[in-house]
Protein backbone atom coordinates (compact mmCIF):
# COMPACT_ATOMS: atom_id res chain seq x y z
CA MET A 1 -13.97 -10.37 -12.43
CA LEU A 2 -14.41 -9.21 -8.86
CA SER A 3 -16.71 -11.04 -6.49
CA PRO A 4 -19.63 -9.04 -5.04
CA SER A 5 -17.86 -8.62 -1.68
CA LEU A 6 -14.73 -7.27 -3.37
CA LYS A 7 -16.84 -4.88 -5.46
CA GLN A 8 -18.36 -3.59 -2.21
CA ALA A 9 -14.89 -3.19 -0.72
CA ASP A 10 -13.80 -1.24 -3.79
CA LYS A 11 -16.85 1.03 -3.44
CA TRP A 12 -15.95 1.59 0.22
CA TYR A 13 -12.43 2.58 -0.83
CA GLN A 14 -13.65 5.02 -3.49
CA LYS A 15 -15.99 6.65 -0.98
CA ASN A 16 -13.57 6.71 1.98
CA ARG A 17 -10.07 6.94 0.55
CA ARG A 18 -9.54 10.42 2.03
CA ALA A 19 -10.10 8.84 5.46
CA LEU A 20 -6.98 6.73 4.88
CA LYS A 21 -4.71 9.77 5.31
CA PRO A 22 -3.58 8.66 8.81
CA TYR A 23 -2.15 5.52 7.18
CA TRP A 24 0.40 7.32 4.96
CA GLY A 25 3.25 5.00 4.08
CA GLU A 26 1.41 1.92 5.32
CA TRP A 27 -0.15 -1.13 3.80
CA VAL A 28 -3.88 -1.36 4.50
CA ALA A 29 -6.25 -4.30 4.15
CA PHE A 30 -9.94 -3.47 3.95
CA THR A 31 -13.36 -4.89 3.28
CA ALA A 32 -16.67 -3.18 2.62
CA ASP A 33 -16.81 -2.56 6.38
CA GLY A 34 -13.53 -0.63 6.47
CA VAL A 35 -9.89 -1.13 7.41
CA ILE A 36 -9.19 -4.53 8.98
CA ALA A 37 -5.38 -4.25 9.27
CA HIS A 38 -2.57 -1.77 8.63
CA ASP A 39 1.17 -1.46 9.15
CA ARG A 40 4.28 -0.16 7.39
CA ASP A 41 5.55 -3.74 7.15
CA TYR A 42 3.52 -5.81 4.69
CA PHE A 43 4.00 -9.08 6.59
CA VAL A 44 3.07 -7.55 9.95
CA MET A 45 -0.11 -6.21 8.34
CA LEU A 46 -0.90 -9.66 6.90
CA ALA A 47 -0.49 -11.24 10.33
CA GLN A 48 -3.11 -8.85 11.74
CA ILE A 49 -5.85 -10.11 9.41
CA ASP A 50 -8.40 -12.43 10.97
CA PRO A 51 -8.13 -15.80 9.17
CA ALA A 52 -11.93 -15.97 9.06
CA ILE A 53 -11.95 -13.03 6.63
CA THR A 54 -11.25 -14.52 3.23
CA GLU A 55 -12.02 -11.64 0.85
CA PHE A 56 -10.34 -8.28 1.27
CA ILE A 57 -8.30 -5.79 -0.71
CA ILE A 58 -4.74 -4.73 0.11
CA ASP A 59 -3.32 -1.40 -0.98
CA ARG A 60 -0.46 0.88 -0.01
CA VAL A 61 -1.35 4.42 1.03
CA HIS A 62 0.98 6.96 -0.54
CA GLU A 63 1.43 10.56 0.56
CA TYR A 64 0.93 11.80 -2.98
CA ASP A 65 -2.63 10.43 -2.86
CA PHE A 66 -3.46 13.42 -0.65
CA VAL A 67 -1.45 16.23 -2.25
CA ASP A 68 -3.40 18.68 -4.35
CA PRO A 69 -1.90 19.30 -7.77
CA ILE A 70 -0.01 22.53 -8.35
CA ARG A 71 -2.02 25.07 -10.26
CA PHE A 72 -0.48 27.90 -12.21
CA TYR A 73 -2.77 30.82 -12.72
């Protein structure tokens, strides 16, 4: 079960995932307040995270997250 702060971070992601387009191909760490770190290298991204922040979500942003499906009419 997710903690309340992680639930808020997940809600932020659902609402703002289109705003993550500039991070294609990168790992992103975020909280309910937004992106706190990002980089193509997972370990570089981890090193950017403030140690005082203990609850966050990490996800990889893929290009296909932003491609509209092909429609045949």
